[in-house]
Full PDB file with SEQRES, HELIX, SHEET, SSBOND, CRYST1, ORIGX, SCALE, CONECT and MASTER records, all heavy atoms in Angstrom:
SEQRES   1 A   41  ILE ASP PHE PRO LEU SER ASN CYS ILE ASN SER GLY ILE          
SEQRES   2 A   41  ASP THR VAL GLY VAL LEU THR GLN TYR GLN PRO LEU MET          
SEQRES   3 A   41  LEU ASN GLU TYR ILE GLY ASN GLY GLN PRO TRP ASP LEU          
SEQRES   4 A   41  ASP ARG                                                      
HELIX    1 AA1 ASP A    2  ASN A   10  1                                   9    
HELIX    2 AA2 LEU A   25  ILE A   31  1                                   7    
HELIX    3 AA3 GLN A   35  TRP A   37  5                                   3    
CRYST1    1.000    1.000    1.000  90.00  90.00  90.00 P 1           1          
ORIGX1      1.000000  0.000000  0.000000        0.00000                         
ORIGX2      0.000000  1.000000  0.000000        0.00000                         
ORIGX3      0.000000  0.000000  1.000000        0.00000                         
SCALE1      1.000000  0.000000  0.000000        0.00000                         
SCALE2      0.000000  1.000000  0.000000        0.00000                         
SCALE3      0.000000  0.000000  1.000000        0.00000                         
ATOM      1  N   ILE A   1      -8.343  -4.110  22.391  1.00  0.00           N  
ATOM      2  CA  ILE A   1      -9.496  -4.920  21.976  1.00  0.00           C  
ATOM      3  C   ILE A   1      -9.849  -6.000  22.994  1.00  0.00           C  
ATOM      4  O   ILE A   1     -10.958  -6.541  22.989  1.00  0.00           O  
ATOM      5  CB  ILE A   1      -9.255  -5.539  20.588  1.00  0.00           C  
ATOM      6  CG1 ILE A   1     -10.602  -5.966  19.983  1.00  0.00           C  
ATOM      7  CG2 ILE A   1      -8.246  -6.695  20.664  1.00  0.00           C  
ATOM      8  CD1 ILE A   1     -10.546  -6.300  18.514  1.00  0.00           C  
ATOM      9  N   ASP A   2      -8.918  -6.334  23.895  1.00  0.00           N  
ATOM     10  CA  ASP A   2      -9.217  -7.344  24.917  1.00  0.00           C  
ATOM     11  C   ASP A   2     -10.424  -6.958  25.767  1.00  0.00           C  
ATOM     12  O   ASP A   2     -11.146  -7.834  26.259  1.00  0.00           O  
ATOM     13  CB  ASP A   2      -8.018  -7.525  25.855  1.00  0.00           C  
ATOM     14  CG  ASP A   2      -6.871  -8.268  25.196  1.00  0.00           C  
ATOM     15  OD1 ASP A   2      -7.131  -9.105  24.324  1.00  0.00           O  
ATOM     16  OD2 ASP A   2      -5.710  -7.995  25.556  1.00  0.00           O  
ATOM     17  N   PHE A   3     -10.645  -5.673  25.961  1.00  0.00           N  
ATOM     18  CA  PHE A   3     -11.698  -5.233  26.887  1.00  0.00           C  
ATOM     19  C   PHE A   3     -13.098  -5.452  26.326  1.00  0.00           C  
ATOM     20  O   PHE A   3     -13.926  -6.082  26.995  1.00  0.00           O  
ATOM     21  CB  PHE A   3     -11.419  -3.790  27.324  1.00  0.00           C  
ATOM     22  CG  PHE A   3     -10.150  -3.700  28.127  1.00  0.00           C  
ATOM     23  CD1 PHE A   3      -8.918  -3.545  27.513  1.00  0.00           C  
ATOM     24  CD2 PHE A   3     -10.178  -3.856  29.504  1.00  0.00           C  
ATOM     25  CE1 PHE A   3      -7.741  -3.532  28.244  1.00  0.00           C  
ATOM     26  CE2 PHE A   3      -9.000  -3.836  30.257  1.00  0.00           C  
ATOM     27  CZ  PHE A   3      -7.783  -3.681  29.618  1.00  0.00           C  
ATOM     28  N   PRO A   4     -13.426  -4.996  25.117  1.00  0.00           N  
ATOM     29  CA  PRO A   4     -14.765  -5.334  24.601  1.00  0.00           C  
ATOM     30  C   PRO A   4     -14.961  -6.826  24.356  1.00  0.00           C  
ATOM     31  O   PRO A   4     -16.061  -7.343  24.567  1.00  0.00           O  
ATOM     32  CB  PRO A   4     -14.868  -4.518  23.304  1.00  0.00           C  
ATOM     33  CG  PRO A   4     -13.473  -4.162  22.939  1.00  0.00           C  
ATOM     34  CD  PRO A   4     -12.729  -4.053  24.224  1.00  0.00           C  
ATOM     35  N   LEU A   5     -13.914  -7.537  23.917  1.00  0.00           N  
ATOM     36  CA  LEU A   5     -14.057  -8.986  23.714  1.00  0.00           C  
ATOM     37  C   LEU A   5     -14.334  -9.691  25.037  1.00  0.00           C  
ATOM     38  O   LEU A   5     -15.203 -10.577  25.118  1.00  0.00           O  
ATOM     39  CB  LEU A   5     -12.796  -9.564  23.066  1.00  0.00           C  
ATOM     40  CG  LEU A   5     -12.569  -9.269  21.587  1.00  0.00           C  
ATOM     41  CD1 LEU A   5     -11.247  -9.876  21.111  1.00  0.00           C  
ATOM     42  CD2 LEU A   5     -13.718  -9.788  20.729  1.00  0.00           C  
ATOM     43  N   SER A   6     -13.618  -9.310  26.087  1.00  0.00           N  
ATOM     44  CA  SER A   6     -13.843  -9.916  27.404  1.00  0.00           C  
ATOM     45  C   SER A   6     -15.210  -9.554  27.941  1.00  0.00           C  
ATOM     46  O   SER A   6     -15.900 -10.391  28.545  1.00  0.00           O  
ATOM     47  CB  SER A   6     -12.747  -9.461  28.378  1.00  0.00           C  
ATOM     48  OG  SER A   6     -11.466  -9.906  27.951  1.00  0.00           O  
ATOM     49  N   ASN A   7     -15.631  -8.300  27.731  1.00  0.00           N  
ATOM     50  CA  ASN A   7     -16.969  -7.892  28.161  1.00  0.00           C  
ATOM     51  C   ASN A   7     -18.042  -8.755  27.502  1.00  0.00           C  
ATOM     52  O   ASN A   7     -19.041  -9.124  28.124  1.00  0.00           O  
ATOM     53  CB  ASN A   7     -17.213  -6.420  27.822  1.00  0.00           C  
ATOM     54  CG  ASN A   7     -16.437  -5.463  28.707  1.00  0.00           C  
ATOM     55  OD1 ASN A   7     -15.990  -5.824  29.798  1.00  0.00           O  
ATOM     56  ND2 ASN A   7     -16.269  -4.234  28.248  1.00  0.00           N  
ATOM     57  N   CYS A   8     -17.847  -9.072  26.222  1.00  0.00           N  
ATOM     58  CA  CYS A   8     -18.834  -9.893  25.510  1.00  0.00           C  
ATOM     59  C   CYS A   8     -18.967 -11.269  26.146  1.00  0.00           C  
ATOM     60  O   CYS A   8     -20.074 -11.686  26.505  1.00  0.00           O  
ATOM     61  CB  CYS A   8     -18.444 -10.030  24.033  1.00  0.00           C  
ATOM     62  SG  CYS A   8     -18.808  -8.574  23.027  1.00  0.00           S  
ATOM     63  N   ILE A   9     -17.861 -11.981  26.277  1.00  0.00           N  
ATOM     64  CA  ILE A   9     -17.962 -13.352  26.790  1.00  0.00           C  
ATOM     65  C   ILE A   9     -18.399 -13.361  28.246  1.00  0.00           C  
ATOM     66  O   ILE A   9     -19.156 -14.231  28.678  1.00  0.00           O  
ATOM     67  CB  ILE A   9     -16.629 -14.124  26.583  1.00  0.00           C  
ATOM     68  CG1 ILE A   9     -16.881 -15.623  26.700  1.00  0.00           C  
ATOM     69  CG2 ILE A   9     -15.548 -13.642  27.503  1.00  0.00           C  
ATOM     70  CD1 ILE A   9     -17.789 -16.209  25.643  1.00  0.00           C  
ATOM     71  N   ASN A  10     -17.963 -12.374  29.029  1.00  0.00           N  
ATOM     72  CA  ASN A  10     -18.395 -12.289  30.428  1.00  0.00           C  
ATOM     73  C   ASN A  10     -19.880 -11.965  30.550  1.00  0.00           C  
ATOM     74  O   ASN A  10     -20.499 -12.249  31.577  1.00  0.00           O  
ATOM     75  CB  ASN A  10     -17.581 -11.236  31.181  1.00  0.00           C  
ATOM     76  CG  ASN A  10     -16.126 -11.640  31.370  1.00  0.00           C  
ATOM     77  OD1 ASN A  10     -15.783 -12.819  31.265  1.00  0.00           O  
ATOM     78  ND2 ASN A  10     -15.262 -10.669  31.645  1.00  0.00           N  
ATOM     79  N   SER A  11     -20.441 -11.362  29.497  1.00  0.00           N  
ATOM     80  CA  SER A  11     -21.873 -11.015  29.483  1.00  0.00           C  
ATOM     81  C   SER A  11     -22.733 -12.098  28.854  1.00  0.00           C  
ATOM     82  O   SER A  11     -23.938 -11.917  28.683  1.00  0.00           O  
ATOM     83  CB  SER A  11     -22.082  -9.699  28.714  1.00  0.00           C  
ATOM     84  OG  SER A  11     -21.327  -8.643  29.268  1.00  0.00           O  
ATOM     85  N   GLY A  12     -22.106 -13.214  28.464  1.00  0.00           N  
ATOM     86  CA  GLY A  12     -22.865 -14.305  27.866  1.00  0.00           C  
ATOM     87  C   GLY A  12     -23.111 -14.145  26.382  1.00  0.00           C  
ATOM     88  O   GLY A  12     -23.951 -14.850  25.802  1.00  0.00           O  
ATOM     89  N   ILE A  13     -22.385 -13.231  25.733  1.00  0.00           N  
ATOM     90  CA  ILE A  13     -22.525 -13.034  24.282  1.00  0.00           C  
ATOM     91  C   ILE A  13     -21.342 -13.713  23.609  1.00  0.00           C  
ATOM     92  O   ILE A  13     -20.189 -13.295  23.775  1.00  0.00           O  
ATOM     93  CB  ILE A  13     -22.572 -11.531  23.931  1.00  0.00           C  
ATOM     94  CG1 ILE A  13     -23.813 -10.896  24.558  1.00  0.00           C  
ATOM     95  CG2 ILE A  13     -22.568 -11.318  22.417  1.00  0.00           C  
ATOM     96  CD1 ILE A  13     -23.855  -9.379  24.482  1.00  0.00           C  
ATOM     97  N   ASP A  14     -21.624 -14.784  22.857  1.00  0.00           N  
ATOM     98  CA  ASP A  14     -20.541 -15.610  22.326  1.00  0.00           C  
ATOM     99  C   ASP A  14     -20.439 -15.586  20.806  1.00  0.00           C  
ATOM    100  O   ASP A  14     -19.763 -16.418  20.203  1.00  0.00           O  
ATOM    101  CB  ASP A  14     -20.683 -17.052  22.812  1.00  0.00           C  
ATOM    102  CG  ASP A  14     -21.963 -17.723  22.336  1.00  0.00           C  
ATOM    103  OD1 ASP A  14     -22.673 -17.134  21.487  1.00  0.00           O  
ATOM    104  OD2 ASP A  14     -22.272 -18.830  22.814  1.00  0.00           O  
ATOM    105  N   THR A  15     -21.102 -14.609  20.177  1.00  0.00           N  
ATOM    106  CA  THR A  15     -21.005 -14.453  18.731  1.00  0.00           C  
ATOM    107  C   THR A  15     -20.620 -13.007  18.434  1.00  0.00           C  
ATOM    108  O   THR A  15     -21.395 -12.090  18.693  1.00  0.00           O  
ATOM    109  CB  THR A  15     -22.337 -14.798  18.044  1.00  0.00           C  
ATOM    110  OG1 THR A  15     -22.734 -16.115  18.440  1.00  0.00           O  
ATOM    111  CG2 THR A  15     -22.190 -14.742  16.526  1.00  0.00           C  
ATOM    112  N   VAL A  16     -19.400 -12.824  17.932  1.00  0.00           N  
ATOM    113  CA  VAL A  16     -18.842 -11.479  17.763  1.00  0.00           C  
ATOM    114  C   VAL A  16     -18.216 -11.353  16.378  1.00  0.00           C  
ATOM    115  O   VAL A  16     -17.348 -12.144  16.004  1.00  0.00           O  
ATOM    116  CB  VAL A  16     -17.764 -11.177  18.829  1.00  0.00           C  
ATOM    117  CG1 VAL A  16     -17.285  -9.731  18.693  1.00  0.00           C  
ATOM    118  CG2 VAL A  16     -18.282 -11.451  20.236  1.00  0.00           C  
ATOM    119  N   GLY A  17     -18.648 -10.353  15.628  1.00  0.00           N  
ATOM    120  CA  GLY A  17     -18.001 -10.009  14.368  1.00  0.00           C  
ATOM    121  C   GLY A  17     -17.073  -8.832  14.605  1.00  0.00           C  
ATOM    122  O   GLY A  17     -17.504  -7.810  15.133  1.00  0.00           O  
ATOM    123  N   VAL A  18     -15.807  -8.983  14.249  1.00  0.00           N  
ATOM    124  CA  VAL A  18     -14.823  -7.904  14.422  1.00  0.00           C  
ATOM    125  C   VAL A  18     -14.540  -7.293  13.053  1.00  0.00           C  
ATOM    126  O   VAL A  18     -13.981  -7.956  12.173  1.00  0.00           O  
ATOM    127  CB  VAL A  18     -13.522  -8.426  15.063  1.00  0.00           C  
ATOM    128  CG1 VAL A  18     -12.510  -7.297  15.211  1.00  0.00           C  
ATOM    129  CG2 VAL A  18     -13.814  -9.065  16.417  1.00  0.00           C  
ATOM    130  N   LEU A  19     -14.928  -6.048  12.872  1.00  0.00           N  
ATOM    131  CA  LEU A  19     -14.822  -5.387  11.575  1.00  0.00           C  
ATOM    132  C   LEU A  19     -13.485  -4.663  11.485  1.00  0.00           C  
ATOM    133  O   LEU A  19     -13.250  -3.689  12.214  1.00  0.00           O  
ATOM    134  CB  LEU A  19     -15.979  -4.405  11.374  1.00  0.00           C  
ATOM    135  CG  LEU A  19     -17.339  -5.027  11.046  1.00  0.00           C  
ATOM    136  CD1 LEU A  19     -17.915  -5.803  12.231  1.00  0.00           C  
ATOM    137  CD2 LEU A  19     -18.333  -3.961  10.615  1.00  0.00           C  
ATOM    138  N   THR A  20     -12.608  -5.146  10.621  1.00  0.00           N  
ATOM    139  CA  THR A  20     -11.279  -4.565  10.485  1.00  0.00           C  
ATOM    140  C   THR A  20     -11.142  -3.898   9.123  1.00  0.00           C  
ATOM    141  O   THR A  20     -11.839  -4.250   8.165  1.00  0.00           O  
ATOM    142  CB  THR A  20     -10.184  -5.634  10.634  1.00  0.00           C  
ATOM    143  OG1 THR A  20     -10.319  -6.591   9.584  1.00  0.00           O  
ATOM    144  CG2 THR A  20     -10.292  -6.340  11.981  1.00  0.00           C  
ATOM    145  N   GLN A  21     -10.220  -2.956   9.035  1.00  0.00           N  
ATOM    146  CA  GLN A  21      -9.947  -2.311   7.755  1.00  0.00           C  
ATOM    147  C   GLN A  21      -8.519  -1.778   7.717  1.00  0.00           C  
ATOM    148  O   GLN A  21      -7.696  -2.254   6.943  1.00  0.00           O  
ATOM    149  CB  GLN A  21     -10.950  -1.184   7.492  1.00  0.00           C  
ATOM    150  CG  GLN A  21     -10.717  -0.441   6.172  1.00  0.00           C  
ATOM    151  CD  GLN A  21     -11.963   0.287   5.682  1.00  0.00           C  
ATOM    152  OE1 GLN A  21     -12.871  -0.315   5.114  1.00  0.00           O  
ATOM    153  NE2 GLN A  21     -11.996   1.587   5.909  1.00  0.00           N  
ATOM    154  N   TYR A  22      -8.196  -0.808   8.575  1.00  0.00           N  
ATOM    155  CA  TYR A  22      -6.860  -0.208   8.567  1.00  0.00           C  
ATOM    156  C   TYR A  22      -5.838  -1.149   9.205  1.00  0.00           C  
ATOM    157  O   TYR A  22      -6.037  -1.627  10.321  1.00  0.00           O  
ATOM    158  CB  TYR A  22      -6.895   1.127   9.334  1.00  0.00           C  
ATOM    159  CG  TYR A  22      -5.538   1.762   9.546  1.00  0.00           C  
ATOM    160  CD1 TYR A  22      -4.928   2.483   8.515  1.00  0.00           C  
ATOM    161  CD2 TYR A  22      -4.860   1.631  10.747  1.00  0.00           C  
ATOM    162  CE1 TYR A  22      -3.687   3.057   8.700  1.00  0.00           C  
ATOM    163  CE2 TYR A  22      -3.619   2.210  10.945  1.00  0.00           C  
ATOM    164  CZ  TYR A  22      -3.031   2.917   9.911  1.00  0.00           C  
ATOM    165  OH  TYR A  22      -1.796   3.476  10.105  1.00  0.00           O  
ATOM    166  N   GLN A  23      -4.749  -1.435   8.504  1.00  0.00           N  
ATOM    167  CA  GLN A  23      -3.631  -2.238   9.004  1.00  0.00           C  
ATOM    168  C   GLN A  23      -4.112  -3.416   9.873  1.00  0.00           C  
ATOM    169  O   GLN A  23      -3.845  -3.491  11.076  1.00  0.00           O  
ATOM    170  CB  GLN A  23      -2.689  -1.347   9.834  1.00  0.00           C  
ATOM    171  CG  GLN A  23      -2.003  -0.252   9.042  1.00  0.00           C  
ATOM    172  CD  GLN A  23      -0.830  -0.761   8.219  1.00  0.00           C  
ATOM    173  OE1 GLN A  23      -0.643  -1.960   8.049  1.00  0.00           O  
ATOM    174  NE2 GLN A  23      -0.035   0.151   7.686  1.00  0.00           N  
ATOM    175  N   PRO A  24      -4.825  -4.383   9.273  1.00  0.00           N  
ATOM    176  CA  PRO A  24      -5.465  -5.428  10.081  1.00  0.00           C  
ATOM    177  C   PRO A  24      -4.569  -6.600  10.474  1.00  0.00           C  
ATOM    178  O   PRO A  24      -4.983  -7.442  11.262  1.00  0.00           O  
ATOM    179  CB  PRO A  24      -6.582  -5.914   9.160  1.00  0.00           C  
ATOM    180  CG  PRO A  24      -6.016  -5.741   7.776  1.00  0.00           C  
ATOM    181  CD  PRO A  24      -5.168  -4.487   7.846  1.00  0.00           C  
ATOM    182  N   LEU A  25      -3.340  -6.688   9.934  1.00  0.00           N  
ATOM    183  CA  LEU A  25      -2.545  -7.894  10.117  1.00  0.00           C  
ATOM    184  C   LEU A  25      -2.334  -8.252  11.586  1.00  0.00           C  
ATOM    185  O   LEU A  25      -2.583  -9.386  12.013  1.00  0.00           O  
ATOM    186  CB  LEU A  25      -1.182  -7.734   9.420  1.00  0.00           C  
ATOM    187  CG  LEU A  25      -0.244  -8.942   9.534  1.00  0.00           C  
ATOM    188  CD1 LEU A  25      -0.875 -10.176   8.895  1.00  0.00           C  
ATOM    189  CD2 LEU A  25       1.101  -8.625   8.874  1.00  0.00           C  
ATOM    190  N   MET A  26      -1.862  -7.295  12.391  1.00  0.00           N  
ATOM    191  CA  MET A  26      -1.590  -7.562  13.801  1.00  0.00           C  
ATOM    192  C   MET A  26      -2.859  -7.979  14.539  1.00  0.00           C  
ATOM    193  O   MET A  26      -2.861  -8.917  15.342  1.00  0.00           O  
ATOM    194  CB  MET A  26      -0.993  -6.321  14.460  1.00  0.00           C  
ATOM    195  CG  MET A  26      -0.776  -6.442  15.968  1.00  0.00           C  
ATOM    196  SD  MET A  26       0.572  -7.527  16.416  1.00  0.00           S  
ATOM    197  CE  MET A  26       1.966  -6.474  16.013  1.00  0.00           C  
ATOM    198  N   LEU A  27      -3.965  -7.298  14.247  1.00  0.00           N  
ATOM    199  CA  LEU A  27      -5.230  -7.596  14.914  1.00  0.00           C  
ATOM    200  C   LEU A  27      -5.724  -8.991  14.538  1.00  0.00           C  
ATOM    201  O   LEU A  27      -6.161  -9.762  15.399  1.00  0.00           O  
ATOM    202  CB  LEU A  27      -6.266  -6.539  14.531  1.00  0.00           C  
ATOM    203  CG  LEU A  27      -7.434  -6.309  15.484  1.00  0.00           C  
ATOM    204  CD1 LEU A  27      -6.957  -5.979  16.882  1.00  0.00           C  
ATOM    205  CD2 LEU A  27      -8.329  -5.199  14.954  1.00  0.00           C  
ATOM    206  N   ASN A  28      -5.633  -9.323  13.254  1.00  0.00           N  
ATOM    207  CA  ASN A  28      -6.060 -10.656  12.806  1.00  0.00           C  
ATOM    208  C   ASN A  28      -5.246 -11.749  13.486  1.00  0.00           C  
ATOM    209  O   ASN A  28      -5.790 -12.758  13.950  1.00  0.00           O  
ATOM    210  CB  ASN A  28      -5.904 -10.777  11.291  1.00  0.00           C  
ATOM    211  CG  ASN A  28      -6.851  -9.870  10.527  1.00  0.00           C  
ATOM    212  OD1 ASN A  28      -7.665  -9.173  11.123  1.00  0.00           O  
ATOM    213  ND2 ASN A  28      -6.736  -9.863   9.215  1.00  0.00           N  
ATOM    214  N   GLU A  29      -3.934 -11.558  13.535  1.00  0.00           N  
ATOM    215  CA  GLU A  29      -3.065 -12.553  14.146  1.00  0.00           C  
ATOM    216  C   GLU A  29      -3.344 -12.676  15.643  1.00  0.00           C  
ATOM    217  O   GLU A  29      -3.361 -13.776  16.201  1.00  0.00           O  
ATOM    218  CB  GLU A  29      -1.599 -12.171  13.925  1.00  0.00           C  
ATOM    219  CG  GLU A  29      -0.615 -13.165  14.523  1.00  0.00           C  
ATOM    220  CD  GLU A  29       0.828 -12.729  14.367  1.00  0.00           C  
ATOM    221  OE1 GLU A  29       1.075 -11.511  14.286  1.00  0.00           O  
ATOM    222  OE2 GLU A  29       1.702 -13.598  14.355  1.00  0.00           O  
ATOM    223  N   TYR A  30      -3.572 -11.535  16.291  1.00  0.00           N  
ATOM    224  CA  TYR A  30      -3.786 -11.531  17.738  1.00  0.00           C  
ATOM    225  C   TYR A  30      -5.081 -12.248  18.111  1.00  0.00           C  
ATOM    226  O   TYR A  30      -5.118 -13.072  19.027  1.00  0.00           O  
ATOM    227  CB  TYR A  30      -3.810 -10.093  18.259  1.00  0.00           C  
ATOM    228  CG  TYR A  30      -3.953 -10.000  19.756  1.00  0.00           C  
ATOM    229  CD1 TYR A  30      -2.899 -10.323  20.596  1.00  0.00           C  
ATOM    230  CD2 TYR A  30      -5.152  -9.583  20.342  1.00  0.00           C  
ATOM    231  CE1 TYR A  30      -3.014 -10.245  21.977  1.00  0.00           C  
ATOM    232  CE2 TYR A  30      -5.280  -9.499  21.714  1.00  0.00           C  
ATOM    233  CZ  TYR A  30      -4.211  -9.833  22.530  1.00  0.00           C  
ATOM    234  OH  TYR A  30      -4.339  -9.757  23.898  1.00  0.00           O  
ATOM    235  N   ILE A  31      -6.156 -11.951  17.394  1.00  0.00           N  
ATOM    236  CA  ILE A  31      -7.453 -12.568  17.712  1.00  0.00           C  
ATOM    237  C   ILE A  31      -7.448 -14.057  17.354  1.00  0.00           C  
ATOM    238  O   ILE A  31      -7.933 -14.894  18.128  1.00  0.00           O  
ATOM    239  CB  ILE A  31      -8.594 -11.838  16.987  1.00  0.00           C  
ATOM    240  CG1 ILE A  31      -8.730 -10.404  17.536  1.00  0.00           C  
ATOM    241  CG2 ILE A  31      -9.918 -12.579  17.164  1.00  0.00           C  
ATOM    242  CD1 ILE A  31      -9.694  -9.538  16.760  1.00  0.00           C  
ATOM    243  N   GLY A  32      -6.884 -14.374  16.206  1.00  0.00           N  
ATOM    244  CA  GLY A  32      -6.799 -15.783  15.800  1.00  0.00           C  
ATOM    245  C   GLY A  32      -8.154 -16.467  15.827  1.00  0.00           C  
ATOM    246  O   GLY A  32      -9.150 -15.958  15.313  1.00  0.00           O  
ATOM    247  N   ASN A  33      -8.203 -17.636  16.471  1.00  0.00           N  
ATOM    248  CA  ASN A  33      -9.469 -18.381  16.541  1.00  0.00           C  
ATOM    249  C   ASN A  33     -10.321 -17.991  17.742  1.00  0.00           C  
ATOM    250  O   ASN A  33     -11.372 -18.582  17.989  1.00  0.00           O  
ATOM    251  CB  ASN A  33      -9.197 -19.890  16.568  1.00  0.00           C  
ATOM    252  CG  ASN A  33      -8.504 -20.333  17.858  1.00  0.00           C  
ATOM    253  OD1 ASN A  33      -8.088 -19.505  18.676  1.00  0.00           O  
ATOM    254  ND2 ASN A  33      -8.365 -21.643  18.041  1.00  0.00           N  
ATOM    255  N   GLY A  34      -9.861 -17.001  18.522  1.00  0.00           N  
ATOM    256  CA  GLY A  34     -10.653 -16.515  19.650  1.00  0.00           C  
ATOM    257  C   GLY A  34     -10.527 -17.308  20.926  1.00  0.00           C  
ATOM    258  O   GLY A  34     -11.227 -17.036  21.906  1.00  0.00           O  
ATOM    259  N   GLN A  35      -9.625 -18.284  20.951  1.00  0.00           N  
ATOM    260  CA  GLN A  35      -9.529 -19.183  22.107  1.00  0.00           C  
ATOM    261  C   GLN A  35      -9.281 -18.471  23.438  1.00  0.00           C  
ATOM    262  O   GLN A  35      -9.906 -18.832  24.453  1.00  0.00           O  
ATOM    263  CB  GLN A  35      -8.446 -20.243  21.836  1.00  0.00           C  
ATOM    264  CG  GLN A  35      -8.321 -21.302  22.915  1.00  0.00           C  
ATOM    265  CD  GLN A  35      -7.365 -20.888  24.030  1.00  0.00           C  
ATOM    266  OE1 GLN A  35      -6.423 -20.118  23.774  1.00  0.00           O  
ATOM    267  NE2 GLN A  35      -7.598 -21.362  25.241  1.00  0.00           N  
ATOM    268  N   PRO A  36      -8.401 -17.448  23.512  1.00  0.00           N  
ATOM    269  CA  PRO A  36      -8.155 -16.814  24.823  1.00  0.00           C  
ATOM    270  C   PRO A  36      -9.409 -16.204  25.459  1.00  0.00           C  
ATOM    271  O   PRO A  36      -9.485 -16.061  26.681  1.00  0.00           O  
ATOM    272  CB  PRO A  36      -7.123 -15.722  24.501  1.00  0.00           C  
ATOM    273  CG  PRO A  36      -6.442 -16.204  23.271  1.00  0.00           C  
ATOM    274  CD  PRO A  36      -7.515 -16.895  22.479  1.00  0.00           C  
ATOM    275  N   TRP A  37     -10.393 -15.841  24.629  1.00  0.00           N  
ATOM    276  CA  TRP A  37     -11.628 -15.225  25.132  1.00  0.00           C  
ATOM    277  C   TRP A  37     -12.785 -16.241  25.165  1.00  0.00           C  
ATOM    278  O   TRP A  37     -13.940 -15.846  25.335  1.00  0.00           O  
ATOM    279  CB  TRP A  37     -12.011 -14.033  24.245  1.00  0.00           C  
ATOM    280  CG  TRP A  37     -10.895 -13.042  24.142  1.00  0.00           C  
ATOM    281  CD1 TRP A  37     -10.651 -11.972  24.970  1.00  0.00           C  
ATOM    282  CD2 TRP A  37      -9.848 -13.030  23.161  1.00  0.00           C  
ATOM    283  NE1 TRP A  37      -9.515 -11.318  24.566  1.00  0.00           N  
ATOM    284  CE2 TRP A  37      -8.995 -11.945  23.467  1.00  0.00           C  
ATOM    285  CE3 TRP A  37      -9.535 -13.836  22.071  1.00  0.00           C  
ATOM    286  CZ2 TRP A  37      -7.868 -11.642  22.706  1.00  0.00           C  
ATOM    287  CZ3 TRP A  37      -8.413 -13.539  21.319  1.00  0.00           C  
ATOM    288  CH2 TRP A  37      -7.591 -12.449  21.634  1.00  0.00           C  
ATOM    289  N   ASP A  38     -12.476 -17.520  24.982  1.00  0.00           N  
ATOM    290  CA  ASP A  38     -13.494 -18.573  24.904  1.00  0.00           C  
ATOM    291  C   ASP A  38     -14.479 -18.283  23.775  1.00  0.00           C  
ATOM    292  O   ASP A  38     -15.686 -18.503  23.897  1.00  0.00           O  
ATOM    293  CB  ASP A  38     -14.236 -18.707  26.248  1.00  0.00           C  
ATOM    294  CG  ASP A  38     -15.081 -19.977  26.325  1.00  0.00           C  
ATOM    295  OD1 ASP A  38     -14.763 -20.931  25.599  1.00  0.00           O  
ATOM    296  OD2 ASP A  38     -16.061 -19.995  27.098  1.00  0.00           O  
ATOM    297  N   LEU A  39     -13.945 -17.772  22.663  1.00  0.00           N  
ATOM    298  CA  LEU A  39     -14.781 -17.450  21.515  1.00  0.00           C  
ATOM    299  C   LEU A  39     -14.451 -18.339  20.320  1.00  0.00           C  
ATOM    300  O   LEU A  39     -14.682 -17.967  19.167  1.00  0.00           O  
ATOM    301  CB  LEU A  39     -14.626 -15.969  21.141  1.00  0.00           C  
ATOM    302  CG  LEU A  39     -15.277 -14.981  22.108  1.00  0.00           C  
ATOM    303  CD1 LEU A  39     -14.859 -13.547  21.789  1.00  0.00           C  
ATOM    304  CD2 LEU A  39     -16.804 -15.096  22.081  1.00  0.00           C  
ATOM    305  N   ASP A  40     -13.907 -19.521  20.584  1.00  0.00           N  
ATOM    306  CA  ASP A  40     -13.675 -20.503  19.516  1.00  0.00           C  
ATOM    307  C   ASP A  40     -14.833 -21.499  19.530  1.00  0.00           C  
ATOM    308  O   ASP A  40     -14.750 -22.565  20.126  1.00  0.00           O  
ATOM    309  CB  ASP A  40     -12.318 -21.197  19.694  1.00  0.00           C  
ATOM    310  CG  ASP A  40     -12.119 -21.760  21.099  1.00  0.00           C  
ATOM    311  OD1 ASP A  40     -12.786 -21.291  22.041  1.00  0.00           O  
ATOM    312  OD2 ASP A  40     -11.300 -22.684  21.256  1.00  0.00           O  
ATOM    313  N   ARG A  41     -15.916 -21.131  18.878  1.00  0.00           N  
ATOM    314  CA  ARG A  41     -17.162 -21.904  18.922  1.00  0.00           C  
ATOM    315  C   ARG A  41     -17.488 -22.509  17.564  1.00  0.00           C  
ATOM    316  O   ARG A  41     -17.168 -21.934  16.515  1.00  0.00           O  
ATOM    317  CB  ARG A  41     -18.322 -20.993  19.354  1.00  0.00           C  
ATOM    318  CG  ARG A  41     -18.106 -20.243  20.678  1.00  0.00           C  
ATOM    319  CD  ARG A  41     -18.024 -21.183  21.851  1.00  0.00           C  
ATOM    320  NE  ARG A  41     -17.790 -20.510  23.117  1.00  0.00           N  
ATOM    321  CZ  ARG A  41     -18.732 -20.271  24.028  1.00  0.00           C  
ATOM    322  NH1 ARG A  41     -19.980 -20.634  23.792  1.00  0.00           N  
ATOM    323  NH2 ARG A  41     -18.420 -19.682  25.165  1.00  0.00           N  
TER     324      ARG A  41                                                      
MASTER        0    0    0    3    0    0    0    6  323    1    0    4          
END                                                                             
């Protein structure tokens, strides 16, 4: 998931909805507040 998230911020798109469903715990914890991708806005 780092690749599409990085593509977004590098492209100037700073509003991203991540749609989760199957086994979301690890993904939710990893993304957190979005700070590593400069997506904590």
